Amino acid sequence: MAMQLFESIKHLNEFKQEYWKARELYKILEYSEYNKFIPTINKAKIACKNSGQDVNLHFADISEHQKSKNQYWDTQGQLLADMLLSRYACYLIAMEADSRKEIVSQAKTYFAIQSRKQEISEQNLEDTKRVAIREQLTEHNKDLARTAKKADVRNYGEFTDYGYMGLYGMRNNDIVKHKWLEESEKLLDNINSEELAANLFRATQAEAKIKREHIRWQDNASKAHMEIGNEVREMIKKIGGTMPEDLPKSENIKEAKKRIKQNKSLGNKK
């Protein structure tokens, strides 16, 4: 019953992202007035900030006209302040609300379960993206190596480092240290899908440039690789993205593959 209540006031925006309205939630949580609900929201905001989350991403202030109906048409009344709440915001609100109310306990359970489902869904999506892009990058790195060899590149490790210097501003060994990876850990196996995609673009475009411009010899090829890496870096900077060296390291991609395999196994059992 409680699940149906909270589902009934759930909304979806144009991007299919779900949200709840504070003026609808306070009634279900049995607050007599919206103004008496505000202190609970403020406590939830503090909890959100303390958890390291961006408060504005979870609590968005809006204003809407109060609607009233007469016999013939809808009319718009006074402008009312309201707030759009994420699932996480609703969970924090439930945690700060009066736990003596049965509906509040039900709210805690509902939003906790839904938040966990979302975390699992997001993890599954990231795992799938990581594995897919990593496999593509493996194949394109082989193509790049073959192209570099035809261009008379004798020191492939140095050639690769020039690409990293363009994209990261540092060599592979320095990137590994910067991200606090073990020396035995491979960089490309311990980064997220966003960073993998940047490296995939670097590799494909470096190969294309060497072929297109008929580049030959170690120095020329390394210079071209560095230029491509730098172009990708500048593009990331231009669109306001996070520099690849500043993206957090990820657990080894083997763990992502394990989860994908487990999810498939569970899916087959159902």
Protein backbone atom coordinates (compact mmCIF):
# COMPACT_ATOMS: atom_id res chain seq x y z
CA MET A 1 0.00 0.00 0.00
CA ALA A 2 2.75 2.45 0.99
CA MET A 3 4.68 1.66 -2.19
CA GLN A 4 1.63 2.55 -4.26
CA LEU A 5 1.28 5.83 -2.37
CA PHE A 6 4.84 6.95 -3.10
CA GLU A 7 4.64 5.66 -6.68
CA SER A 8 1.43 7.62 -7.25
CA ILE A 9 3.20 10.97 -6.68
CA LYS A 10 6.34 10.08 -8.62
CA HIS A 11 6.97 12.19 -11.72
CA LEU A 12 9.24 11.77 -14.75
CA ASN A 13 10.94 14.68 -16.50
CA GLU A 14 11.70 14.92 -20.22
CA PHE A 15 14.84 12.83 -19.72
CA LYS A 16 12.87 10.04 -18.00
CA GLN A 17 14.43 10.92 -14.66
CA GLU A 18 12.13 10.47 -11.69
CA TYR A 19 11.41 13.07 -9.03
CA TRP A 20 8.92 13.90 -6.30
CA LYS A 21 7.34 17.23 -5.29
CA ALA A 22 7.71 18.40 -1.72
CA ARG A 23 4.13 19.72 -1.59
CA GLU A 24 2.82 16.28 -2.47
CA LEU A 25 5.23 14.38 -0.22
CA TYR A 26 4.46 16.35 2.93
CA LYS A 27 0.80 15.34 2.82
CA ILE A 28 1.61 11.64 2.52
CA LEU A 29 4.07 11.94 5.41
CA GLU A 30 1.15 13.36 7.44
CA TYR A 31 2.42 16.89 8.03
CA SER A 32 -0.46 19.26 8.72
CA GLU A 33 1.14 22.20 6.87
CA TYR A 34 3.87 22.62 4.27
CA ASN A 35 5.67 25.20 6.44
CA LYS A 36 6.01 22.59 9.17
CA PHE A 37 7.66 20.29 6.62
CA ILE A 38 10.38 22.83 5.72
CA PRO A 39 12.58 22.20 8.83
CA THR A 40 12.70 18.48 7.95
CA ILE A 41 13.78 19.36 4.40
CA ASN A 42 16.49 21.66 5.75
CA LYS A 43 17.84 18.89 7.99
CA ALA A 44 17.88 16.54 4.97
CA LYS A 45 19.84 19.15 2.98
CA ILE A 46 22.48 19.29 5.71
CA ALA A 47 22.72 15.48 5.69
CA CYS A 48 23.06 15.58 1.92
CA LYS A 49 25.90 18.12 2.09
CA ASN A 50 27.66 16.15 4.83
CA SER A 51 27.55 13.04 2.65
CA GLY A 52 29.54 14.87 -0.03
CA GLN A 53 26.63 15.22 -2.46
CA ASP A 54 25.67 18.34 -4.41
CA VAL A 55 22.55 19.60 -2.62
CA ASN A 56 21.29 21.43 -5.70
CA LEU A 57 21.22 18.18 -7.67
CA HIS A 58 18.81 16.61 -5.18
CA PHE A 59 16.77 19.58 -3.95
CA ALA A 60 15.60 22.00 -6.66
CA ASP A 61 13.49 25.04 -5.72
CA ILE A 62 10.60 25.88 -8.05
CA SER A 63 7.49 28.08 -8.00
CA GLU A 64 4.10 27.08 -9.36
CA HIS A 65 0.71 28.74 -9.51
CA GLN A 66 -1.90 27.24 -7.24
CA LYS A 67 -4.68 25.82 -9.39
CA SER A 68 -8.33 26.00 -8.48
CA LYS A 69 -11.38 24.83 -10.39
CA ASN A 70 -14.68 26.52 -10.84
CA GLN A 71 -17.68 25.27 -12.73
CA TYR A 72 -16.34 26.11 -16.16
CA TRP A 73 -12.52 26.32 -16.22
CA ASP A 74 -9.28 26.08 -14.24
CA THR A 75 -7.95 29.28 -12.77
CA GLN A 76 -4.48 30.13 -11.54
CA GLY A 77 -4.15 31.44 -8.03
CA GLN A 78 -1.19 32.59 -5.95
CA LEU A 79 2.38 31.56 -6.71
CA LEU A 80 3.53 28.79 -4.37
CA ALA A 81 7.09 27.75 -3.56
CA ASP A 82 7.74 24.05 -4.08
CA MET A 83 10.73 21.77 -4.44
CA LEU A 84 11.65 18.94 -6.79
CA LEU A 85 13.24 16.07 -4.89
CA SER A 86 15.40 13.20 -6.07
CA ARG A 87 14.94 9.71 -4.70
CA TYR A 88 17.98 10.27 -2.49
CA ALA A 89 16.51 13.53 -1.19
CA CYS A 90 13.26 11.74 -0.31
CA TYR A 91 15.22 9.07 1.53
CA LEU A 92 17.09 11.71 3.57
CA ILE A 93 13.82 13.49 4.33
CA ALA A 94 12.31 10.22 5.57
CA MET A 95 15.36 9.68 7.78
CA GLU A 96 14.87 13.13 9.34
CA ALA A 97 11.08 12.87 9.71
CA ASP A 98 9.16 11.75 12.81
CA SER A 99 9.91 8.02 13.05
CA ARG A 100 6.94 7.51 15.37
CA LYS A 101 4.67 7.75 12.33
CA GLU A 102 4.11 4.43 10.59
CA ILE A 103 4.07 6.09 7.17
CA VAL A 104 7.55 7.55 7.83
CA SER A 105 8.93 4.08 8.57
CA GLN A 106 7.35 2.86 5.34
CA ALA A 107 8.89 5.79 3.49
CA LYS A 108 12.36 4.90 4.81
CA THR A 109 11.96 1.35 3.56
CA TYR A 110 10.55 2.34 0.18
CA PHE A 111 13.18 4.96 -0.68
CA ALA A 112 16.03 2.85 0.70
CA ILE A 113 15.02 -0.08 -1.51
CA GLN A 114 14.52 2.15 -4.54
CA SER A 115 17.88 3.89 -3.97
CA ARG A 116 19.64 0.53 -3.77
CA LYS A 117 17.96 -0.62 -6.96
CA GLN A 118 19.18 2.55 -8.69
CA GLU A 119 22.73 2.02 -7.42
CA ILE A 120 22.73 -1.53 -8.80
CA SER A 121 21.30 -0.35 -12.10
CA GLU A 122 23.94 2.36 -12.44
CA GLN A 123 26.70 -0.09 -11.51
CA ASN A 124 25.48 -2.56 -14.14
CA LEU A 125 25.44 0.18 -16.77
CA GLU A 126 28.96 1.35 -15.90
CA ASP A 127 30.27 -2.25 -15.88
CA THR A 128 28.78 -2.90 -19.31
CA LYS A 129 30.17 0.33 -20.76
CA ARG A 130 33.62 -0.24 -19.25
CA VAL A 131 33.96 -3.77 -20.58
CA ALA A 132 32.66 -2.87 -24.05
CA ILE A 133 34.95 0.16 -24.46
CA ARG A 134 37.94 -1.69 -22.99
CA GLU A 135 37.51 -4.48 -25.53
CA GLN A 136 37.27 -1.94 -28.36
CA LEU A 137 40.37 -0.17 -27.08
CA THR A 138 42.30 -3.44 -26.98
CA GLU A 139 41.55 -4.04 -30.65
CA HIS A 140 42.29 -0.45 -31.70
CA ASN A 141 45.57 -0.49 -29.78
CA LYS A 142 46.55 -3.54 -31.85
CA ASP A 143 45.67 -1.61 -35.02
CA LEU A 144 47.67 1.39 -33.78
CA ALA A 145 50.66 -0.84 -33.02
CA ARG A 146 50.56 -2.33 -36.53
CA THR A 147 50.28 1.12 -38.09
CA ALA A 148 53.16 2.42 -35.95
CA LYS A 149 55.31 -0.53 -36.97
CA LYS A 150 54.68 0.19 -40.66
CA ALA A 151 55.72 3.78 -39.96
CA ASP A 152 59.08 2.46 -38.71
CA VAL A 153 58.39 3.12 -35.03
CA ARG A 154 61.00 1.03 -33.22
CA ASN A 155 60.25 1.98 -29.60
CA TYR A 156 56.52 1.45 -29.18
CA GLY A 157 56.59 2.17 -25.43
CA GLU A 158 58.00 5.62 -26.07
CA PHE A 159 55.47 6.19 -28.85
CA THR A 160 52.64 5.28 -26.45
CA ASP A 161 54.00 7.58 -23.76
CA TYR A 162 53.86 10.53 -26.16
CA GLY A 163 50.15 9.89 -26.63
CA TYR A 164 49.67 9.82 -22.87
CA MET A 165 51.68 13.01 -22.46
CA GLY A 166 49.34 14.73 -24.88
CA LEU A 167 46.18 13.47 -23.18
CA TYR A 168 47.31 13.46 -19.52
CA GLY A 169 50.28 15.78 -19.49
CA MET A 170 52.44 12.96 -18.09
CA ARG A 171 53.89 9.57 -18.98
CA ASN A 172 52.25 6.23 -18.19
CA ASN A 173 54.37 5.54 -15.08
CA ASP A 174 53.59 8.99 -13.72
CA ILE A 175 49.86 8.53 -14.35
CA VAL A 176 49.97 5.23 -12.44
CA LYS A 177 51.60 6.98 -9.47
CA HIS A 178 49.22 9.94 -9.70
CA LYS A 179 46.21 7.62 -9.49
CA TRP A 180 47.78 5.61 -6.66
CA LEU A 181 47.81 2.42 -8.68
CA GLU A 182 50.18 -0.43 -7.91
CA GLU A 183 53.09 -0.82 -10.33
CA SER A 184 51.64 -4.17 -11.40
CA GLU A 185 48.24 -2.62 -12.25
CA LYS A 186 47.58 -1.62 -15.84
CA LEU A 187 46.22 1.89 -16.28
CA LEU A 188 43.57 0.97 -18.85
CA ASP A 189 42.21 -1.82 -16.63
CA ASN A 190 41.64 0.52 -13.70
CA ILE A 191 39.84 3.55 -15.17
CA ASN A 192 36.15 4.27 -15.71
CA SER A 193 34.20 4.32 -18.98
CA GLU A 194 34.62 8.08 -19.44
CA GLU A 195 38.40 7.87 -19.30
CA LEU A 196 38.46 4.75 -21.46
CA ALA A 197 36.41 6.57 -24.11
CA ALA A 198 38.93 9.43 -24.17
CA ASN A 199 41.76 6.93 -24.71
CA LEU A 200 39.79 5.12 -27.39
CA PHE A 201 39.36 8.39 -29.29
CA ARG A 202 43.07 9.13 -28.87
CA ALA A 203 44.07 5.73 -30.26
CA THR A 204 41.71 5.73 -33.24
CA GLN A 205 42.57 9.28 -34.26
CA ALA A 206 46.32 8.77 -33.87
CA GLU A 207 46.18 5.76 -36.17
CA ALA A 208 44.06 7.69 -38.68
CA LYS A 209 46.45 10.67 -38.67
CA ILE A 210 49.54 8.51 -39.24
CA LYS A 211 47.85 6.74 -42.14
CA ARG A 212 46.26 9.85 -43.63
CA GLU A 213 49.42 11.95 -43.56
CA HIS A 214 51.77 9.04 -44.41
CA ILE A 215 53.85 9.81 -41.33
CA ARG A 216 57.16 7.94 -41.02
CA TRP A 217 59.86 7.45 -38.38
CA GLN A 218 59.82 7.35 -34.60
CA ASP A 219 60.05 11.07 -33.84
CA ASN A 220 57.41 12.12 -36.34
CA ALA A 221 54.95 9.42 -35.28
CA SER A 222 55.47 10.18 -31.58
CA LYS A 223 54.92 13.89 -32.23
CA ALA A 224 51.70 13.12 -34.13
CA HIS A 225 50.48 10.88 -31.29
CA MET A 226 51.16 13.62 -28.75
CA GLU A 227 49.32 16.19 -30.88
CA ILE A 228 46.24 13.96 -31.06
CA GLY A 229 46.35 13.35 -27.31
CA ASN A 230 46.56 17.09 -26.71
CA GLU A 231 43.64 17.74 -29.08
CA VAL A 232 41.48 15.31 -27.12
CA ARG A 233 42.58 16.98 -23.88
CA GLU A 234 41.69 20.44 -25.19
CA MET A 235 38.29 19.21 -26.31
CA ILE A 236 37.59 17.83 -22.81
CA LYS A 237 38.65 21.16 -21.33
CA LYS A 238 36.50 23.10 -23.78
CA ILE A 239 33.30 21.25 -22.87
CA GLY A 240 34.02 21.57 -19.14
CA GLY A 241 34.91 17.92 -18.56
CA THR A 242 37.18 16.53 -15.88
CA MET A 243 40.78 16.09 -16.92
CA PRO A 244 41.55 12.36 -17.26
CA GLU A 245 44.30 12.40 -14.63
CA ASP A 246 41.79 13.79 -12.13
CA LEU A 247 39.15 11.11 -12.71
CA PRO A 248 39.08 8.58 -9.86
CA LYS A 249 40.60 5.17 -10.37
CA SER A 250 38.25 2.22 -10.70
CA GLU A 251 38.52 -1.29 -9.39
CA ASN A 252 40.12 -3.74 -11.80
CA ILE A 253 37.95 -4.44 -14.81
CA LYS A 254 38.01 -8.14 -13.89
CA GLU A 255 35.55 -7.30 -11.12
CA ALA A 256 33.20 -5.66 -13.61
CA LYS A 257 33.37 -8.76 -15.81
CA LYS A 258 32.57 -10.95 -12.80
CA ARG A 259 29.46 -8.91 -11.98
CA ILE A 260 28.26 -9.03 -15.58
CA LYS A 261 28.71 -12.80 -15.60
CA GLN A 262 26.85 -13.14 -12.27
CA ASN A 263 23.98 -10.97 -13.50
CA LYS A 264 23.65 -13.07 -16.64
CA SER A 265 23.66 -16.23 -14.53
CA LEU A 266 20.93 -14.84 -12.26
CA GLY A 267 18.93 -13.75 -15.30
CA ASN A 268 19.07 -17.25 -16.78
CA LYS A 269 17.79 -18.77 -13.52
CA LYS A 270 14.67 -16.60 -13.46
